[in-house]
Protein backbone atom coordinates (compact mmCIF):
# COMPACT_ATOMS: atom_id res chain seq x y z
CA MET A 1 236.28 156.20 176.42
CA GLU A 2 237.15 157.40 172.94
CA HIS A 3 236.99 154.95 170.02
CA PRO A 4 240.55 153.82 169.08
CA LEU A 5 239.97 154.89 165.47
CA SER A 6 238.52 158.35 166.25
CA PRO A 7 241.60 160.16 164.85
CA PHE A 8 240.87 158.67 161.41
CA LYS A 9 238.32 161.01 159.82
CA TYR A 10 238.52 159.91 156.16
CA CYS A 11 238.28 156.53 154.45
CA PRO A 12 241.81 155.37 153.54
CA LYS A 13 240.47 153.70 150.39
CA CYS A 14 238.27 156.35 148.76
CA GLY A 15 238.82 159.47 150.89
CA SER A 16 235.16 159.86 151.86
CA GLU A 17 234.17 161.71 155.03
CA GLN A 18 231.50 159.01 155.61
CA PHE A 19 233.98 156.93 157.64
CA ILE A 20 231.82 155.92 160.60
CA ILE A 21 232.16 153.68 163.67
CA ALA A 22 231.00 150.13 162.87
CA ASN A 23 231.72 148.54 166.27
CA GLU A 24 234.20 148.81 169.16
CA LYS A 25 237.15 147.80 166.94
CA ALA A 26 236.25 148.98 163.45
CA LYS A 27 235.17 151.87 161.25
CA LYS A 28 233.32 151.43 157.96
CA CYS A 29 233.04 153.70 154.96
CA ALA A 30 229.41 154.33 154.02
CA ALA A 31 230.52 155.37 150.53
CA CYS A 32 232.66 152.41 149.37
CA GLY A 33 232.07 149.76 152.06
CA PHE A 34 235.72 149.53 153.16
CA VAL A 35 236.11 148.31 156.76
CA TYR A 36 239.19 149.24 158.81
CA TYR A 37 239.82 147.13 161.91
CA PHE A 38 241.83 148.24 164.93
CA ASN A 39 243.88 145.10 165.44
CA PRO A 40 247.42 145.70 166.72
CA SER A 41 248.32 142.00 166.66
CA SER A 42 251.52 140.48 165.34
CA ALA A 43 251.27 138.07 162.43
CA THR A 44 253.64 136.01 160.33
CA VAL A 45 253.74 134.48 156.85
CA SER A 46 255.97 131.84 155.26
CA PHE A 47 257.32 131.38 151.75
CA ILE A 48 257.78 127.61 151.40
CA MET A 49 259.33 126.33 148.18
CA ASN A 50 259.91 122.72 147.09
CA ASP A 51 262.70 121.24 144.94
CA LYS A 52 260.77 122.18 141.78
CA ASN A 53 260.74 125.84 142.86
CA GLU A 54 256.96 125.68 143.45
CA LEU A 55 255.45 127.89 146.14
CA LEU A 56 253.13 126.37 148.76
CA VAL A 57 249.81 128.21 149.00
CA CYS A 58 246.67 127.56 151.05
CA ARG A 59 243.00 128.17 150.35
CA ARG A 60 241.37 130.45 152.94
CA ALA A 61 238.73 128.64 155.00
CA LYS A 62 237.24 131.74 156.65
CA ALA A 63 236.22 135.29 155.77
CA PRO A 64 237.53 137.69 154.72
CA ALA A 65 238.30 136.40 151.23
CA LYS A 66 237.11 132.86 152.01
CA GLY A 67 238.11 130.44 149.25
CA THR A 68 240.94 132.54 147.84
CA LEU A 69 244.60 131.55 147.75
CA ASP A 70 246.86 132.69 150.58
CA LEU A 71 250.30 132.06 152.03
CA PRO A 72 250.65 129.90 155.17
CA GLY A 73 250.76 132.07 158.27
CA GLY A 74 248.74 133.55 161.07
CA PHE A 75 248.67 135.52 164.27
CA ILE A 76 251.35 134.93 166.91
């Protein structure tokens, strides 16, 4: 069976031809380290404001970008 990302020959971030299969659902660029995941899942995000016009944000608990600010949401 062909890898689902086989049609993608070049890294979408840097354009390198070193865009290689990392695992059954991802390709990784050997030049810049960018990883592209095949993940056709639906997700949602919310913009929640209070009476002071402040936006609710969360701190990511898991990688990628663990510890950074994010909006509330997730896969559905």
